[in-house]
Amino acid sequence: MTYRLASELSDRIAAIAPIASVMGTERSNPQRPVSVIHFHGTKDEAVPFDGGKGKLDQSGTNFYSVEYSIQSWVKANDCKTQPIVKALPDKTDDGTKVIRKTYGGGKEDSEVVLIEIEGGGHTWPGRKTLPGFEILGKSTKDILANDLMWEFFQKHPMQ
């Protein structure tokens, strides 16, 4: 839904931050650039990182891959096709590592950022997994999604 809103309401939305989600439409057609910071675990069994049907998803949806979503927005924003890749500090022994891939140089200073959580599940980065929800997989404690989102939104205000 976040990607669709960005595409259809780009005149009102400056940036988005999907977590454990991918595009639900074949194309992105924003009227103006919308910067994206996308968070996704490589072991997400609800919305698989590589696309397809999730083991935990009851809808039967055949999801697009994270890469498809990212590249759609790289193209829509006319960003550089080669990302700057940076491993973020591994602060905790939680079985995850975080890689930041930044596709910059887009129209109107837009960028697309993938926060790839190696070993992460269908979870909110930085949030403790609640009892009974362990089936969703590991949640990284190396980053706080809320803080990274806020920084990103401040960097990309509506112009």
C-alpha atoms as a PDB file:
ATOM      1  CA  MET A   1       0.000   0.000   0.000  1.00  0.00           C
ATOM      2  CA  THR A   2       2.877   2.392   0.789  1.00  0.00           C
ATOM      3  CA  TYR A   3       4.351   2.020  -2.677  1.00  0.00           C
ATOM      4  CA  ARG A   4       0.964   2.502  -4.323  1.00  0.00           C
ATOM      5  CA  LEU A   5       0.273   5.668  -2.339  1.00  0.00           C
ATOM      6  CA  ALA A   6       3.696   7.042  -3.288  1.00  0.00           C
ATOM      7  CA  SER A   7       2.996   6.329  -6.928  1.00  0.00           C
ATOM      8  CA  GLU A   8      -0.540   7.716  -6.999  1.00  0.00           C
ATOM      9  CA  LEU A   9      -0.114  10.612  -4.545  1.00  0.00           C
ATOM     10  CA  SER A  10       3.428  11.721  -5.310  1.00  0.00           C
ATOM     11  CA  ASP A  11       2.241  15.329  -5.337  1.00  0.00           C
ATOM     12  CA  ARG A  12       1.566  14.939  -1.584  1.00  0.00           C
ATOM     13  CA  ILE A  13       4.219  12.436  -0.466  1.00  0.00           C
ATOM     14  CA  ALA A  14       7.936  13.263  -0.318  1.00  0.00           C
ATOM     15  CA  ALA A  15       9.295   9.960   1.012  1.00  0.00           C
ATOM     16  CA  ILE A  16       8.169   6.527   2.137  1.00  0.00           C
ATOM     17  CA  ALA A  17       9.550   3.824   4.425  1.00  0.00           C
ATOM     18  CA  PRO A  18       8.090   0.372   3.726  1.00  0.00           C
ATOM     19  CA  ILE A  19       8.972  -2.379   6.193  1.00  0.00           C
ATOM     20  CA  ALA A  20       8.670  -6.064   5.245  1.00  0.00           C
ATOM     21  CA  SER A  21       6.573  -5.145   2.226  1.00  0.00           C
ATOM     22  CA  VAL A  22       7.001  -4.963  -1.537  1.00  0.00           C
ATOM     23  CA  MET A  23       5.244  -3.299  -4.442  1.00  0.00           C
ATOM     24  CA  GLY A  24       1.821  -4.690  -5.154  1.00  0.00           C
ATOM     25  CA  THR A  25       1.602  -3.133  -8.602  1.00  0.00           C
ATOM     26  CA  GLU A  26       3.612  -3.903 -11.713  1.00  0.00           C
ATOM     27  CA  ARG A  27       4.872  -0.338 -12.198  1.00  0.00           C
ATOM     28  CA  SER A  28       5.515   2.825 -10.261  1.00  0.00           C
ATOM     29  CA  ASN A  29       4.340   5.956 -12.034  1.00  0.00           C
ATOM     30  CA  PRO A  30       4.908   8.907  -9.704  1.00  0.00           C
ATOM     31  CA  GLN A  31       4.395  12.405 -11.121  1.00  0.00           C
ATOM     32  CA  ARG A  32       7.438  13.568  -9.134  1.00  0.00           C
ATOM     33  CA  PRO A  33      10.289  11.744  -7.389  1.00  0.00           C
ATOM     34  CA  VAL A  34       9.528  10.080  -4.060  1.00  0.00           C
ATOM     35  CA  SER A  35      12.494   8.943  -1.982  1.00  0.00           C
ATOM     36  CA  VAL A  36      12.327   5.443  -0.524  1.00  0.00           C
ATOM     37  CA  ILE A  37      13.948   3.768   2.485  1.00  0.00           C
ATOM     38  CA  HIS A  38      12.922   0.109   2.466  1.00  0.00           C
ATOM     39  CA  PHE A  39      13.584  -2.292   5.381  1.00  0.00           C
ATOM     40  CA  HIS A  40      13.443  -6.040   4.731  1.00  0.00           C
ATOM     41  CA  GLY A  41      14.732  -9.241   6.317  1.00  0.00           C
ATOM     42  CA  THR A  42      16.330 -11.854   4.077  1.00  0.00           C
ATOM     43  CA  LYS A  43      14.581 -14.638   6.054  1.00  0.00           C
ATOM     44  CA  ASP A  44      11.095 -13.094   5.865  1.00  0.00           C
ATOM     45  CA  GLU A  45       8.709 -16.028   5.464  1.00  0.00           C
ATOM     46  CA  ALA A  46       5.579 -13.904   5.062  1.00  0.00           C
ATOM     47  CA  VAL A  47       6.763 -11.594   2.251  1.00  0.00           C
ATOM     48  CA  PRO A  48       9.838 -13.379   0.855  1.00  0.00           C
ATOM     49  CA  PHE A  49      12.871 -11.230   0.070  1.00  0.00           C
ATOM     50  CA  ASP A  50      13.278 -12.958  -3.306  1.00  0.00           C
ATOM     51  CA  GLY A  51       9.561 -12.860  -4.092  1.00  0.00           C
ATOM     52  CA  GLY A  52       7.040 -15.641  -4.512  1.00  0.00           C
ATOM     53  CA  LYS A  53       4.546 -17.072  -2.060  1.00  0.00           C
ATOM     54  CA  GLY A  54       5.279 -16.678   1.629  1.00  0.00           C
ATOM     55  CA  LYS A  55       5.058 -19.725   3.896  1.00  0.00           C
ATOM     56  CA  LEU A  56       3.343 -17.619   6.572  1.00  0.00           C
ATOM     57  CA  ASP A  57       1.045 -15.727   4.202  1.00  0.00           C
ATOM     58  CA  GLN A  58      -2.536 -16.988   4.047  1.00  0.00           C
ATOM     59  CA  SER A  59      -3.557 -14.907   1.014  1.00  0.00           C
ATOM     60  CA  GLY A  60      -1.742 -16.965  -1.621  1.00  0.00           C
ATOM     61  CA  THR A  61      -0.178 -13.791  -3.020  1.00  0.00           C
ATOM     62  CA  ASN A  62       2.744 -14.252  -5.388  1.00  0.00           C
ATOM     63  CA  PHE A  63       4.857 -11.306  -4.174  1.00  0.00           C
ATOM     64  CA  TYR A  64       7.294  -9.283  -6.255  1.00  0.00           C
ATOM     65  CA  SER A  65      10.856  -9.432  -4.951  1.00  0.00           C
ATOM     66  CA  VAL A  66      12.468  -6.698  -2.902  1.00  0.00           C
ATOM     67  CA  GLU A  67      14.908  -6.168  -5.793  1.00  0.00           C
ATOM     68  CA  TYR A  68      12.018  -5.627  -8.222  1.00  0.00           C
ATOM     69  CA  SER A  69      10.510  -3.000  -5.917  1.00  0.00           C
ATOM     70  CA  ILE A  70      13.825  -1.236  -5.353  1.00  0.00           C
ATOM     71  CA  GLN A  71      14.767  -1.183  -9.038  1.00  0.00           C
ATOM     72  CA  SER A  72      11.323   0.122 -10.002  1.00  0.00           C
ATOM     73  CA  TRP A  73      11.865   3.156  -7.783  1.00  0.00           C
ATOM     74  CA  VAL A  74      15.514   3.577  -8.779  1.00  0.00           C
ATOM     75  CA  LYS A  75      14.240   3.865 -12.359  1.00  0.00           C
ATOM     76  CA  ALA A  76      11.248   6.081 -11.491  1.00  0.00           C
ATOM     77  CA  ASN A  77      13.493   8.508  -9.578  1.00  0.00           C
ATOM     78  CA  ASP A  78      16.283   8.293 -12.172  1.00  0.00           C
ATOM     79  CA  CYS A  79      18.832   7.301  -9.493  1.00  0.00           C
ATOM     80  CA  LYS A  80      22.265   5.862 -10.141  1.00  0.00           C
ATOM     81  CA  THR A  81      22.020   2.156 -10.930  1.00  0.00           C
ATOM     82  CA  GLN A  82      24.988   1.129  -8.767  1.00  0.00           C
ATOM     83  CA  PRO A  83      24.413   1.489  -5.033  1.00  0.00           C
ATOM     84  CA  ILE A  84      26.850   2.567  -2.380  1.00  0.00           C
ATOM     85  CA  VAL A  85      26.967  -0.472  -0.098  1.00  0.00           C
ATOM     86  CA  LYS A  86      27.814  -0.155   3.586  1.00  0.00           C
ATOM     87  CA  ALA A  87      27.706  -2.740   6.355  1.00  0.00           C
ATOM     88  CA  LEU A  88      26.240  -1.121   9.461  1.00  0.00           C
ATOM     89  CA  PRO A  89      27.776  -1.870  12.891  1.00  0.00           C
ATOM     90  CA  ASP A  90      26.855  -5.281  14.296  1.00  0.00           C
ATOM     91  CA  LYS A  91      25.991  -3.999  17.777  1.00  0.00           C
ATOM     92  CA  THR A  92      24.295  -7.075  19.215  1.00  0.00           C
ATOM     93  CA  ASP A  93      24.610 -10.831  19.014  1.00  0.00           C
ATOM     94  CA  ASP A  94      21.113 -11.369  17.622  1.00  0.00           C
ATOM     95  CA  GLY A  95      21.923 -13.469  14.536  1.00  0.00           C
ATOM     96  CA  THR A  96      21.428 -10.582  12.104  1.00  0.00           C
ATOM     97  CA  LYS A  97      23.626  -8.189  10.161  1.00  0.00           C
ATOM     98  CA  VAL A  98      22.475  -5.017   8.430  1.00  0.00           C
ATOM     99  CA  ILE A  99      23.599  -3.814   5.007  1.00  0.00           C
ATOM    100  CA  ARG A 100      22.636  -0.367   3.692  1.00  0.00           C
ATOM    101  CA  LYS A 101      22.431   0.002  -0.114  1.00  0.00           C
ATOM    102  CA  THR A 102      21.996   3.589  -1.272  1.00  0.00           C
ATOM    103  CA  TYR A 103      21.032   4.483  -4.824  1.00  0.00           C
ATOM    104  CA  GLY A 104      21.571   8.239  -4.927  1.00  0.00           C
ATOM    105  CA  GLY A 105      21.714  10.993  -7.496  1.00  0.00           C
ATOM    106  CA  GLY A 106      18.039  10.913  -8.365  1.00  0.00           C
ATOM    107  CA  LYS A 107      15.870  13.718  -9.673  1.00  0.00           C
ATOM    108  CA  GLU A 108      15.297  16.499  -7.129  1.00  0.00           C
ATOM    109  CA  ASP A 109      17.901  14.900  -4.797  1.00  0.00           C
ATOM    110  CA  SER A 110      15.798  11.759  -4.417  1.00  0.00           C
ATOM    111  CA  GLU A 111      17.334   8.462  -3.409  1.00  0.00           C
ATOM    112  CA  VAL A 112      16.341   4.870  -2.844  1.00  0.00           C
ATOM    113  CA  VAL A 113      17.804   3.064   0.160  1.00  0.00           C
ATOM    114  CA  LEU A 114      17.513  -0.628   0.946  1.00  0.00           C
ATOM    115  CA  ILE A 115      18.156  -1.648   4.542  1.00  0.00           C
ATOM    116  CA  GLU A 116      18.799  -5.358   4.036  1.00  0.00           C
ATOM    117  CA  ILE A 117      18.652  -7.330   7.273  1.00  0.00           C
ATOM    118  CA  GLU A 118      20.590 -10.547   6.790  1.00  0.00           C
ATOM    119  CA  GLY A 119      18.850 -13.218   8.850  1.00  0.00           C
ATOM    120  CA  GLY A 120      15.930 -10.933   9.700  1.00  0.00           C
ATOM    121  CA  GLY A 121      12.319 -12.045   9.551  1.00  0.00           C
ATOM    122  CA  HIS A 122       8.955 -10.352   9.037  1.00  0.00           C
ATOM    123  CA  THR A 123       9.607  -7.950  11.904  1.00  0.00           C
ATOM    124  CA  TRP A 124      10.065  -4.283  12.824  1.00  0.00           C
ATOM    125  CA  PRO A 125      13.806  -3.512  13.099  1.00  0.00           C
ATOM    126  CA  GLY A 126      14.762  -2.497  16.612  1.00  0.00           C
ATOM    127  CA  ARG A 127      11.600  -3.808  18.219  1.00  0.00           C
ATOM    128  CA  LYS A 128      11.651  -6.740  20.599  1.00  0.00           C
ATOM    129  CA  THR A 129       9.727  -9.762  19.343  1.00  0.00           C
ATOM    130  CA  LEU A 130       6.626 -10.166  21.450  1.00  0.00           C
ATOM    131  CA  PRO A 131       5.868 -13.543  23.055  1.00  0.00           C
ATOM    132  CA  GLY A 132       3.893 -15.723  20.676  1.00  0.00           C
ATOM    133  CA  PHE A 133       5.223 -13.946  17.577  1.00  0.00           C
ATOM    134  CA  GLU A 134       8.551 -15.779  17.314  1.00  0.00           C
ATOM    135  CA  ILE A 135       7.231 -17.490  14.167  1.00  0.00           C
ATOM    136  CA  LEU A 136       7.800 -14.172  12.336  1.00  0.00           C
ATOM    137  CA  GLY A 137      11.565 -14.585  12.652  1.00  0.00           C
ATOM    138  CA  LYS A 138      14.410 -12.580  14.097  1.00  0.00           C
ATOM    139  CA  SER A 139      14.222  -8.852  14.687  1.00  0.00           C
ATOM    140  CA  THR A 140      17.522  -7.009  14.449  1.00  0.00           C
ATOM    141  CA  LYS A 141      18.615  -4.912  17.412  1.00  0.00           C
ATOM    142  CA  ASP A 142      21.462  -3.368  15.390  1.00  0.00           C
ATOM    143  CA  ILE A 143      19.251  -0.515  14.148  1.00  0.00           C
ATOM    144  CA  LEU A 144      16.086   1.293  15.146  1.00  0.00           C
ATOM    145  CA  ALA A 145      13.803   1.636  12.137  1.00  0.00           C
ATOM    146  CA  ASN A 146      11.933   4.546  13.717  1.00  0.00           C
ATOM    147  CA  ASP A 147      15.124   6.603  14.070  1.00  0.00           C
ATOM    148  CA  LEU A 148      16.347   5.835  10.544  1.00  0.00           C
ATOM    149  CA  MET A 149      12.926   6.692   9.120  1.00  0.00           C
ATOM    150  CA  TRP A 150      12.803   9.997  10.947  1.00  0.00           C
ATOM    151  CA  GLU A 151      16.287  10.962   9.729  1.00  0.00           C
ATOM    152  CA  PHE A 152      15.308   9.967   6.177  1.00  0.00           C
ATOM    153  CA  PHE A 153      12.066  11.955   6.234  1.00  0.00           C
ATOM    154  CA  GLN A 154      13.903  15.016   7.539  1.00  0.00           C
ATOM    155  CA  LYS A 155      16.444  14.653   4.734  1.00  0.00           C
ATOM    156  CA  HIS A 156      13.700  14.402   2.091  1.00  0.00           C
ATOM    157  CA  PRO A 157      11.010  17.019   2.764  1.00  0.00           C
ATOM    158  CA  MET A 158       8.371  17.946   0.235  1.00  0.00           C
ATOM    159  CA  GLN A 159       9.855  20.438  -2.219  1.00  0.00           C
END
